[in-house]
Amino acid sequence: MAKYVTLSSFVILFFICACARKPDHRNLILTKLKFDNLGDDTIKISQKATFRLVLNDHNLKIKKAYFDCTIESDLQIDEVNYVLSNCIKELFINQDTIIIQLTPTAVGKKKFQEITVLAVDENDFISIHQGSFEYFVLE
């Protein structure tokens, strides 16, 4: 009988601790951001280009980055895997840097579609940011 009481106490205590750490997403603010491109912003047509983007707020750590993502008022966040509902197309992240490879097919000034970033600060508070970057394609 004592084993069941101890196990029940552990489960109840774990549940209380898990709930206490859950952030309040009602206060979650969606902010616009600018990226710092760590490479050249001029590329040649039909040549593979790699863009390395970092957040200009160095107090944030990138957990996930998406494109083609719709942010709505009923946004759901999986806090364990850092997944946003309505966001499927993930971008590659390496050492807090978003890496995008593309091969342009047209000449001119281009703008990459809006990127949605899920980040955490030093207190593990989750924040969502959106931004984009421009590049030039030459012949």
C-alpha atoms as a PDB file:
ATOM      1  CA  MET A   1       0.000   0.000   0.000  1.00  0.00           C
ATOM      2  CA  ALA A   2       2.862   2.433   0.787  1.00  0.00           C
ATOM      3  CA  LYS A   3       4.269   1.978  -2.746  1.00  0.00           C
ATOM      4  CA  TYR A   4       1.026   3.248  -4.286  1.00  0.00           C
ATOM      5  CA  VAL A   5       0.895   6.304  -2.043  1.00  0.00           C
ATOM      6  CA  THR A   6       4.497   7.220  -2.888  1.00  0.00           C
ATOM      7  CA  LEU A   7       3.939   6.774  -6.617  1.00  0.00           C
ATOM      8  CA  SER A   8       0.715   8.808  -6.489  1.00  0.00           C
ATOM      9  CA  SER A   9       2.480  11.583  -4.603  1.00  0.00           C
ATOM     10  CA  PHE A  10       5.240  11.640  -7.206  1.00  0.00           C
ATOM     11  CA  VAL A  11       2.753  11.845 -10.097  1.00  0.00           C
ATOM     12  CA  ILE A  12       0.800  14.671  -8.430  1.00  0.00           C
ATOM     13  CA  LEU A  13       4.012  16.581  -7.612  1.00  0.00           C
ATOM     14  CA  PHE A  14       5.299  16.145 -11.192  1.00  0.00           C
ATOM     15  CA  PHE A  15       2.003  17.421 -12.617  1.00  0.00           C
ATOM     16  CA  ILE A  16       2.069  20.508 -10.376  1.00  0.00           C
ATOM     17  CA  CYS A  17       5.695  21.296 -11.331  1.00  0.00           C
ATOM     18  CA  ALA A  18       4.988  20.845 -15.047  1.00  0.00           C
ATOM     19  CA  CYS A  19       2.046  23.229 -14.892  1.00  0.00           C
ATOM     20  CA  ALA A  20       3.987  25.833 -12.942  1.00  0.00           C
ATOM     21  CA  ARG A  21       6.690  26.080 -15.638  1.00  0.00           C
ATOM     22  CA  LYS A  22       4.281  26.546 -18.528  1.00  0.00           C
ATOM     23  CA  PRO A  23       4.674  30.041 -20.037  1.00  0.00           C
ATOM     24  CA  ASP A  24       1.666  32.307 -20.457  1.00  0.00           C
ATOM     25  CA  HIS A  25       1.192  32.486 -24.224  1.00  0.00           C
ATOM     26  CA  ARG A  26      -1.624  35.013 -23.898  1.00  0.00           C
ATOM     27  CA  ASN A  27       1.095  37.634 -23.454  1.00  0.00           C
ATOM     28  CA  LEU A  28       3.109  36.334 -26.410  1.00  0.00           C
ATOM     29  CA  ILE A  29       4.002  39.210 -28.721  1.00  0.00           C
ATOM     30  CA  LEU A  30       4.670  38.777 -32.409  1.00  0.00           C
ATOM     31  CA  THR A  31       7.451  41.167 -33.384  1.00  0.00           C
ATOM     32  CA  LYS A  32       9.005  42.181 -36.662  1.00  0.00           C
ATOM     33  CA  LEU A  33      12.722  41.613 -36.852  1.00  0.00           C
ATOM     34  CA  LYS A  34      15.686  42.168 -39.065  1.00  0.00           C
ATOM     35  CA  PHE A  35      18.239  39.507 -39.867  1.00  0.00           C
ATOM     36  CA  ASP A  36      21.959  39.996 -40.122  1.00  0.00           C
ATOM     37  CA  ASN A  37      23.128  38.245 -43.309  1.00  0.00           C
ATOM     38  CA  LEU A  38      26.556  36.730 -42.691  1.00  0.00           C
ATOM     39  CA  GLY A  39      27.353  36.518 -46.409  1.00  0.00           C
ATOM     40  CA  ASP A  40      27.074  38.327 -49.722  1.00  0.00           C
ATOM     41  CA  ASP A  41      23.647  39.614 -50.751  1.00  0.00           C
ATOM     42  CA  THR A  42      24.483  39.628 -54.480  1.00  0.00           C
ATOM     43  CA  ILE A  43      24.408  36.328 -56.343  1.00  0.00           C
ATOM     44  CA  LYS A  44      24.469  35.085 -59.941  1.00  0.00           C
ATOM     45  CA  ILE A  45      21.507  33.610 -61.767  1.00  0.00           C
ATOM     46  CA  SER A  46      21.317  29.786 -61.859  1.00  0.00           C
ATOM     47  CA  GLN A  47      24.093  29.532 -59.271  1.00  0.00           C
ATOM     48  CA  LYS A  48      23.359  27.963 -55.885  1.00  0.00           C
ATOM     49  CA  ALA A  49      23.564  30.544 -53.115  1.00  0.00           C
ATOM     50  CA  THR A  50      23.725  30.047 -49.360  1.00  0.00           C
ATOM     51  CA  PHE A  51      22.402  32.658 -46.948  1.00  0.00           C
ATOM     52  CA  ARG A  52      23.304  32.515 -43.263  1.00  0.00           C
ATOM     53  CA  LEU A  53      20.999  34.578 -41.078  1.00  0.00           C
ATOM     54  CA  VAL A  54      21.275  35.381 -37.392  1.00  0.00           C
ATOM     55  CA  LEU A  55      18.915  37.360 -35.188  1.00  0.00           C
ATOM     56  CA  ASN A  56      20.099  40.863 -34.449  1.00  0.00           C
ATOM     57  CA  ASP A  57      18.977  40.349 -30.825  1.00  0.00           C
ATOM     58  CA  HIS A  58      21.781  38.165 -29.473  1.00  0.00           C
ATOM     59  CA  ASN A  59      19.908  37.480 -26.208  1.00  0.00           C
ATOM     60  CA  LEU A  60      17.561  35.142 -28.075  1.00  0.00           C
ATOM     61  CA  LYS A  61      18.269  31.561 -29.079  1.00  0.00           C
ATOM     62  CA  ILE A  62      16.598  30.253 -32.236  1.00  0.00           C
ATOM     63  CA  LYS A  63      14.680  27.033 -31.638  1.00  0.00           C
ATOM     64  CA  LYS A  64      12.798  26.740 -34.954  1.00  0.00           C
ATOM     65  CA  ALA A  65      12.419  28.786 -38.125  1.00  0.00           C
ATOM     66  CA  TYR A  66       9.667  28.419 -40.704  1.00  0.00           C
ATOM     67  CA  PHE A  67       8.545  29.897 -44.003  1.00  0.00           C
ATOM     68  CA  ASP A  68       5.093  29.824 -45.580  1.00  0.00           C
ATOM     69  CA  CYS A  69       3.632  30.054 -42.084  1.00  0.00           C
ATOM     70  CA  THR A  70       0.301  31.544 -41.038  1.00  0.00           C
ATOM     71  CA  ILE A  71       0.133  33.093 -37.576  1.00  0.00           C
ATOM     72  CA  GLU A  72      -3.402  33.401 -36.252  1.00  0.00           C
ATOM     73  CA  SER A  73      -5.004  34.218 -32.903  1.00  0.00           C
ATOM     74  CA  ASP A  74      -5.550  30.527 -32.101  1.00  0.00           C
ATOM     75  CA  LEU A  75      -1.845  29.736 -32.402  1.00  0.00           C
ATOM     76  CA  GLN A  76      -0.774  26.555 -30.598  1.00  0.00           C
ATOM     77  CA  ILE A  77       2.809  25.963 -29.461  1.00  0.00           C
ATOM     78  CA  ASP A  78       4.308  22.569 -28.664  1.00  0.00           C
ATOM     79  CA  GLU A  79       6.685  23.698 -25.914  1.00  0.00           C
ATOM     80  CA  VAL A  80       8.622  20.428 -25.821  1.00  0.00           C
ATOM     81  CA  ASN A  81       9.460  20.209 -29.534  1.00  0.00           C
ATOM     82  CA  TYR A  82       9.087  23.951 -30.265  1.00  0.00           C
ATOM     83  CA  VAL A  83       6.523  23.428 -33.017  1.00  0.00           C
ATOM     84  CA  LEU A  84       4.047  26.094 -34.125  1.00  0.00           C
ATOM     85  CA  SER A  85       0.620  25.091 -35.392  1.00  0.00           C
ATOM     86  CA  ASN A  86      -0.043  26.200 -38.988  1.00  0.00           C
ATOM     87  CA  CYS A  87       3.716  26.080 -39.695  1.00  0.00           C
ATOM     88  CA  ILE A  88       4.993  23.110 -41.658  1.00  0.00           C
ATOM     89  CA  LYS A  89       7.944  24.202 -43.804  1.00  0.00           C
ATOM     90  CA  GLU A  90      10.997  24.358 -41.536  1.00  0.00           C
ATOM     91  CA  LEU A  91      14.294  26.020 -42.300  1.00  0.00           C
ATOM     92  CA  PHE A  92      17.627  24.473 -41.335  1.00  0.00           C
ATOM     93  CA  ILE A  93      19.280  25.838 -38.180  1.00  0.00           C
ATOM     94  CA  ASN A  94      22.906  25.258 -37.187  1.00  0.00           C
ATOM     95  CA  GLN A  95      24.472  26.875 -34.100  1.00  0.00           C
ATOM     96  CA  ASP A  96      21.791  29.556 -33.799  1.00  0.00           C
ATOM     97  CA  THR A  97      22.088  30.424 -37.502  1.00  0.00           C
ATOM     98  CA  ILE A  98      19.352  29.965 -40.108  1.00  0.00           C
ATOM     99  CA  ILE A  99      20.809  28.510 -43.304  1.00  0.00           C
ATOM    100  CA  ILE A 100      18.941  28.935 -46.586  1.00  0.00           C
ATOM    101  CA  GLN A 101      20.141  27.575 -49.935  1.00  0.00           C
ATOM    102  CA  LEU A 102      18.475  28.560 -53.178  1.00  0.00           C
ATOM    103  CA  THR A 103      19.133  28.775 -56.901  1.00  0.00           C
ATOM    104  CA  PRO A 104      17.666  31.938 -58.444  1.00  0.00           C
ATOM    105  CA  THR A 105      16.013  31.749 -61.853  1.00  0.00           C
ATOM    106  CA  ALA A 106      15.385  35.449 -62.552  1.00  0.00           C
ATOM    107  CA  VAL A 107      17.498  38.609 -62.504  1.00  0.00           C
ATOM    108  CA  GLY A 108      16.705  41.552 -60.232  1.00  0.00           C
ATOM    109  CA  LYS A 109      16.075  42.564 -56.647  1.00  0.00           C
ATOM    110  CA  LYS A 110      14.380  39.720 -54.759  1.00  0.00           C
ATOM    111  CA  LYS A 111      12.815  39.361 -51.335  1.00  0.00           C
ATOM    112  CA  PHE A 112      12.700  36.015 -49.560  1.00  0.00           C
ATOM    113  CA  GLN A 113       9.255  35.190 -48.231  1.00  0.00           C
ATOM    114  CA  GLU A 114       8.532  36.000 -44.607  1.00  0.00           C
ATOM    115  CA  ILE A 115      10.361  33.857 -42.067  1.00  0.00           C
ATOM    116  CA  THR A 116       8.774  33.009 -38.720  1.00  0.00           C
ATOM    117  CA  VAL A 117      11.210  32.327 -35.888  1.00  0.00           C
ATOM    118  CA  LEU A 118      10.437  30.655 -32.569  1.00  0.00           C
ATOM    119  CA  ALA A 119      13.044  31.791 -30.049  1.00  0.00           C
ATOM    120  CA  VAL A 120      13.680  31.624 -26.309  1.00  0.00           C
ATOM    121  CA  ASP A 121      15.436  34.071 -24.027  1.00  0.00           C
ATOM    122  CA  GLU A 122      17.712  33.339 -21.050  1.00  0.00           C
ATOM    123  CA  ASN A 123      14.611  32.676 -18.879  1.00  0.00           C
ATOM    124  CA  ASP A 124      13.188  30.175 -21.415  1.00  0.00           C
ATOM    125  CA  PHE A 125      10.373  32.574 -22.305  1.00  0.00           C
ATOM    126  CA  ILE A 126       9.136  31.727 -25.799  1.00  0.00           C
ATOM    127  CA  SER A 127       8.778  34.512 -28.360  1.00  0.00           C
ATOM    128  CA  ILE A 128       7.788  34.587 -32.016  1.00  0.00           C
ATOM    129  CA  HIS A 129       9.371  36.913 -34.559  1.00  0.00           C
ATOM    130  CA  GLN A 130       8.834  37.492 -38.264  1.00  0.00           C
ATOM    131  CA  GLY A 131      11.072  39.051 -40.853  1.00  0.00           C
ATOM    132  CA  SER A 132      12.638  38.653 -44.259  1.00  0.00           C
ATOM    133  CA  PHE A 133      15.716  39.643 -46.249  1.00  0.00           C
ATOM    134  CA  GLU A 134      16.467  40.942 -49.713  1.00  0.00           C
ATOM    135  CA  TYR A 135      19.096  39.910 -52.218  1.00  0.00           C
ATOM    136  CA  PHE A 136      20.168  40.846 -55.745  1.00  0.00           C
ATOM    137  CA  VAL A 137      20.470  38.437 -58.663  1.00  0.00           C
ATOM    138  CA  LEU A 138      22.858  39.290 -61.521  1.00  0.00           C
ATOM    139  CA  GLU A 139      23.417  37.579 -64.860  1.00  0.00           C
END
